[in-house]
Amino acid sequence: MKVLSAAVTGHVATHEAGAIEYTGHKVLTVPQYLGKLKASDVKELVDTFYNDANHEHMVFPGMVYISHPTEYGTLLYKRRIKRNLRCMSCL
């Protein structure tokens, strides 16, 4: 089982959570900024997970959901997505 991180306004967090969780995954939300995620917020979620003494008994973070355009109509740019992926790969 893996955790799917999504913006609090993300479609999978608000309308599809039952379908996601039915397949054995969990949706955890992080703050959104015009529908976008910040790598630092995802990193904080992962750090909080691994700093919990009981993390071996919890669902592990493993996916990040992004939508294009965001639920606010904000566009994502390849340059920014690549930069965020580089930040997240250091997790």
N, C-alpha and C. Protein backbone atom coordinates (compact mmCIF):
# COMPACT_ATOMS: atom_id res chain seq x y z
N MET A 1 0.84 -1.17 0.00
CA MET A 1 0.00 0.00 0.00
C MET A 1 0.89 1.24 0.00
N LYS A 2 0.54 2.20 -0.81
CA LYS A 2 1.31 3.45 -0.91
C LYS A 2 0.40 4.63 -0.63
N VAL A 3 1.03 5.73 -0.21
CA VAL A 3 0.33 6.99 -0.02
C VAL A 3 0.47 7.81 -1.28
N LEU A 4 -0.62 8.39 -1.72
CA LEU A 4 -0.65 9.32 -2.83
C LEU A 4 -0.76 10.71 -2.23
N SER A 5 0.22 11.58 -2.49
CA SER A 5 0.18 12.96 -2.02
C SER A 5 -0.48 13.81 -3.09
N ALA A 6 -1.40 14.65 -2.67
CA ALA A 6 -2.12 15.50 -3.62
C ALA A 6 -2.40 16.84 -2.95
N ALA A 7 -2.58 17.88 -3.77
CA ALA A 7 -3.01 19.17 -3.23
C ALA A 7 -4.37 18.98 -2.57
N VAL A 8 -4.61 19.74 -1.54
CA VAL A 8 -5.87 19.63 -0.81
C VAL A 8 -7.06 19.85 -1.75
N THR A 9 -6.85 20.56 -2.84
CA THR A 9 -7.91 20.81 -3.82
C THR A 9 -7.87 19.82 -4.98
N GLY A 10 -6.93 18.90 -4.98
CA GLY A 10 -6.77 17.96 -6.09
C GLY A 10 -7.98 17.08 -6.29
N HIS A 11 -8.29 16.81 -7.53
CA HIS A 11 -9.47 16.00 -7.87
C HIS A 11 -9.46 14.65 -7.15
N VAL A 12 -8.30 14.00 -7.09
CA VAL A 12 -8.25 12.69 -6.45
C VAL A 12 -8.46 12.78 -4.95
N ALA A 13 -8.22 13.95 -4.36
CA ALA A 13 -8.41 14.12 -2.92
C ALA A 13 -9.85 14.46 -2.58
N THR A 14 -10.57 15.05 -3.53
CA THR A 14 -11.93 15.50 -3.23
C THR A 14 -13.02 14.66 -3.87
N HIS A 15 -12.75 14.09 -5.04
CA HIS A 15 -13.80 13.37 -5.76
C HIS A 15 -13.50 11.89 -6.02
N GLU A 16 -12.24 11.52 -5.98
CA GLU A 16 -11.87 10.15 -6.34
C GLU A 16 -11.22 9.38 -5.20
N ALA A 17 -11.22 9.93 -3.99
CA ALA A 17 -10.51 9.27 -2.89
C ALA A 17 -11.01 7.85 -2.66
N GLY A 18 -12.31 7.64 -2.77
CA GLY A 18 -12.85 6.29 -2.58
C GLY A 18 -12.31 5.31 -3.59
N ALA A 19 -12.20 5.74 -4.86
CA ALA A 19 -11.66 4.86 -5.90
C ALA A 19 -10.19 4.57 -5.66
N ILE A 20 -9.44 5.57 -5.25
CA ILE A 20 -8.01 5.39 -4.98
C ILE A 20 -7.84 4.43 -3.79
N GLU A 21 -8.56 4.68 -2.74
CA GLU A 21 -8.41 3.86 -1.54
C GLU A 21 -8.97 2.46 -1.74
N TYR A 22 -9.93 2.30 -2.63
CA TYR A 22 -10.45 0.97 -2.94
C TYR A 22 -9.36 0.09 -3.55
N THR A 23 -8.42 0.70 -4.26
CA THR A 23 -7.33 -0.07 -4.89
C THR A 23 -6.17 -0.30 -3.93
N GLY A 24 -6.33 0.10 -2.67
CA GLY A 24 -5.30 -0.18 -1.68
C GLY A 24 -4.33 0.94 -1.41
N HIS A 25 -4.62 2.13 -1.88
CA HIS A 25 -3.75 3.28 -1.64
C HIS A 25 -4.47 4.27 -0.73
N LYS A 26 -3.72 5.19 -0.16
CA LYS A 26 -4.28 6.22 0.70
C LYS A 26 -3.93 7.58 0.12
N VAL A 27 -4.85 8.53 0.24
CA VAL A 27 -4.61 9.89 -0.25
C VAL A 27 -4.37 10.80 0.96
N LEU A 28 -3.21 11.44 0.99
CA LEU A 28 -2.90 12.46 1.99
C LEU A 28 -2.71 13.77 1.26
N THR A 29 -3.23 14.83 1.84
CA THR A 29 -3.16 16.12 1.16
C THR A 29 -2.06 17.00 1.74
N VAL A 30 -1.56 17.87 0.89
CA VAL A 30 -0.61 18.91 1.28
C VAL A 30 -1.21 20.24 0.83
N PRO A 31 -0.71 21.35 1.38
CA PRO A 31 -1.25 22.66 1.00
C PRO A 31 -1.13 22.89 -0.51
N GLN A 32 -1.99 23.77 -1.03
CA GLN A 32 -1.94 24.10 -2.45
C GLN A 32 -1.73 25.60 -2.60
N TYR A 33 -1.14 25.96 -3.71
CA TYR A 33 -0.88 27.35 -4.05
C TYR A 33 -1.39 27.54 -5.48
N LEU A 34 -2.62 28.04 -5.60
CA LEU A 34 -3.31 28.11 -6.89
C LEU A 34 -3.38 26.73 -7.53
N GLY A 35 -3.55 25.71 -6.70
CA GLY A 35 -3.67 24.35 -7.18
C GLY A 35 -2.35 23.62 -7.34
N LYS A 36 -1.25 24.32 -7.17
CA LYS A 36 0.07 23.70 -7.34
C LYS A 36 0.62 23.23 -6.00
N LEU A 37 1.50 22.26 -6.08
CA LEU A 37 2.21 21.75 -4.90
C LEU A 37 3.59 22.38 -4.83
N LYS A 38 4.14 22.42 -3.64
CA LYS A 38 5.54 22.79 -3.46
C LYS A 38 6.30 21.54 -3.04
N ALA A 39 7.46 21.35 -3.62
CA ALA A 39 8.28 20.19 -3.27
C ALA A 39 8.59 20.18 -1.78
N SER A 40 8.75 21.36 -1.18
CA SER A 40 9.06 21.43 0.25
C SER A 40 7.92 20.89 1.10
N ASP A 41 6.67 21.06 0.66
CA ASP A 41 5.55 20.52 1.42
C ASP A 41 5.49 18.99 1.31
N VAL A 42 5.80 18.48 0.13
CA VAL A 42 5.84 17.02 -0.04
C VAL A 42 6.99 16.45 0.80
N LYS A 43 8.13 17.14 0.79
CA LYS A 43 9.27 16.69 1.58
C LYS A 43 8.92 16.68 3.07
N GLU A 44 8.20 17.69 3.52
CA GLU A 44 7.79 17.73 4.93
C GLU A 44 6.89 16.55 5.27
N LEU A 45 5.98 16.20 4.37
CA LEU A 45 5.11 15.04 4.59
C LEU A 45 5.95 13.76 4.71
N VAL A 46 6.94 13.61 3.83
CA VAL A 46 7.80 12.41 3.86
C VAL A 46 8.67 12.41 5.12
N ASP A 47 9.23 13.57 5.47
CA ASP A 47 10.06 13.65 6.68
C ASP A 47 9.25 13.32 7.92
N THR A 48 8.04 13.84 8.00
CA THR A 48 7.16 13.56 9.14
C THR A 48 6.89 12.06 9.24
N PHE A 49 6.67 11.43 8.09
CA PHE A 49 6.44 9.99 8.05
C PHE A 49 7.64 9.24 8.63
N TYR A 50 8.84 9.50 8.11
CA TYR A 50 10.02 8.74 8.53
C TYR A 50 10.47 9.08 9.94
N ASN A 51 10.09 10.24 10.46
CA ASN A 51 10.44 10.59 11.84
C ASN A 51 9.48 10.01 12.86
N ASP A 52 8.41 9.42 12.40
CA ASP A 52 7.46 8.77 13.30
C ASP A 52 8.02 7.40 13.67
N ALA A 53 8.12 7.14 14.96
CA ALA A 53 8.70 5.87 15.43
C ALA A 53 7.91 4.66 14.95
N ASN A 54 6.66 4.85 14.59
CA ASN A 54 5.82 3.74 14.16
C ASN A 54 5.67 3.66 12.64
N HIS A 55 6.52 4.32 11.89
CA HIS A 55 6.32 4.40 10.43
C HIS A 55 6.33 3.03 9.75
N GLU A 56 6.98 2.05 10.35
CA GLU A 56 6.99 0.72 9.74
C GLU A 56 5.59 0.10 9.67
N HIS A 57 4.68 0.62 10.48
CA HIS A 57 3.32 0.08 10.54
C HIS A 57 2.31 0.99 9.84
N MET A 58 2.81 1.93 9.05
CA MET A 58 1.94 2.90 8.37
C MET A 58 2.10 2.74 6.85
N VAL A 59 1.17 3.31 6.10
CA VAL A 59 1.30 3.29 4.64
C VAL A 59 2.43 4.22 4.23
N PHE A 60 3.24 3.75 3.29
CA PHE A 60 4.43 4.49 2.88
C PHE A 60 4.13 5.50 1.77
N PRO A 61 4.73 6.70 1.84
CA PRO A 61 4.57 7.65 0.74
C PRO A 61 5.19 7.08 -0.52
N GLY A 62 4.54 7.26 -1.65
CA GLY A 62 5.10 6.68 -2.86
C GLY A 62 4.69 7.35 -4.16
N MET A 63 3.69 8.26 -4.13
CA MET A 63 3.23 8.88 -5.37
C MET A 63 2.85 10.33 -5.10
N VAL A 64 2.94 11.13 -6.14
CA VAL A 64 2.48 12.52 -6.08
C VAL A 64 1.52 12.73 -7.25
N TYR A 65 0.36 13.29 -6.95
CA TYR A 65 -0.65 13.56 -7.99
C TYR A 65 -0.54 15.02 -8.42
N ILE A 66 -0.43 15.24 -9.71
CA ILE A 66 -0.52 16.60 -10.26
C ILE A 66 -1.56 16.58 -11.38
N SER A 67 -2.24 17.67 -11.53
CA SER A 67 -3.20 17.77 -12.63
C SER A 67 -2.86 18.99 -13.47
N HIS A 68 -3.09 18.87 -14.76
CA HIS A 68 -2.75 19.95 -15.68
C HIS A 68 -3.89 20.17 -16.65
N PRO A 69 -4.53 21.30 -16.62
CA PRO A 69 -4.33 22.40 -15.67
C PRO A 69 -4.82 21.99 -14.28
N THR A 70 -4.44 22.79 -13.28
CA THR A 70 -4.88 22.49 -11.93
C THR A 70 -6.38 22.75 -11.82
N GLU A 71 -6.95 22.41 -10.69
CA GLU A 71 -8.38 22.63 -10.48
C GLU A 71 -8.73 24.12 -10.48
N TYR A 72 -7.71 24.99 -10.36
CA TYR A 72 -7.91 26.44 -10.44
C TYR A 72 -7.68 26.97 -11.85
N GLY A 73 -7.27 26.09 -12.76
CA GLY A 73 -6.97 26.53 -14.12
C GLY A 73 -5.53 26.98 -14.29
N THR A 74 -4.74 26.86 -13.24
CA THR A 74 -3.33 27.24 -13.31
C THR A 74 -2.58 26.25 -14.18
N LEU A 75 -1.72 26.76 -15.02
CA LEU A 75 -0.93 25.90 -15.90
C LEU A 75 0.38 25.52 -15.26
N LEU A 76 0.84 24.33 -15.55
CA LEU A 76 2.13 23.86 -15.07
C LEU A 76 3.12 23.92 -16.23
N TYR A 77 4.33 24.25 -15.92
CA TYR A 77 5.35 24.35 -16.96
C TYR A 77 6.41 23.27 -16.74
N LYS A 78 6.87 22.71 -17.83
CA LYS A 78 7.84 21.62 -17.81
C LYS A 78 9.04 21.96 -16.95
N ARG A 79 9.53 23.18 -17.05
CA ARG A 79 10.70 23.64 -16.30
C ARG A 79 10.46 23.49 -14.79
N ARG A 80 9.29 23.93 -14.33
CA ARG A 80 8.99 23.87 -12.90
C ARG A 80 8.78 22.42 -12.44
N ILE A 81 8.11 21.64 -13.26
CA ILE A 81 7.90 20.23 -12.91
C ILE A 81 9.25 19.53 -12.78
N LYS A 82 10.17 19.77 -13.72
CA LYS A 82 11.50 19.15 -13.64
C LYS A 82 12.23 19.58 -12.39
N ARG A 83 12.13 20.87 -12.03
CA ARG A 83 12.81 21.37 -10.83
C ARG A 83 12.24 20.69 -9.59
N ASN A 84 10.91 20.57 -9.52
CA ASN A 84 10.29 19.91 -8.37
C ASN A 84 10.65 18.42 -8.31
N LEU A 85 10.73 17.78 -9.46
CA LEU A 85 11.13 16.36 -9.48
C LEU A 85 12.54 16.19 -8.97
N ARG A 86 13.43 17.11 -9.34
CA ARG A 86 14.81 17.04 -8.82
C ARG A 86 14.81 17.18 -7.31
N CYS A 87 14.01 18.11 -6.79
CA CYS A 87 13.93 18.29 -5.33
C CYS A 87 13.38 17.05 -4.67
N MET A 88 12.36 16.44 -5.26
CA MET A 88 11.73 15.27 -4.65
C MET A 88 12.59 14.03 -4.77
N SER A 89 13.43 13.96 -5.79
CA SER A 89 14.29 12.77 -5.95
C SER A 89 15.34 12.72 -4.86
N CYS A 90 15.58 13.84 -4.19
CA CYS A 90 16.55 13.87 -3.08
C CYS A 90 15.95 13.34 -1.81
N LEU A 91 14.65 13.05 -1.83
CA LEU A 91 14.00 12.54 -0.62
C LEU A 91 14.55 11.22 -0.32
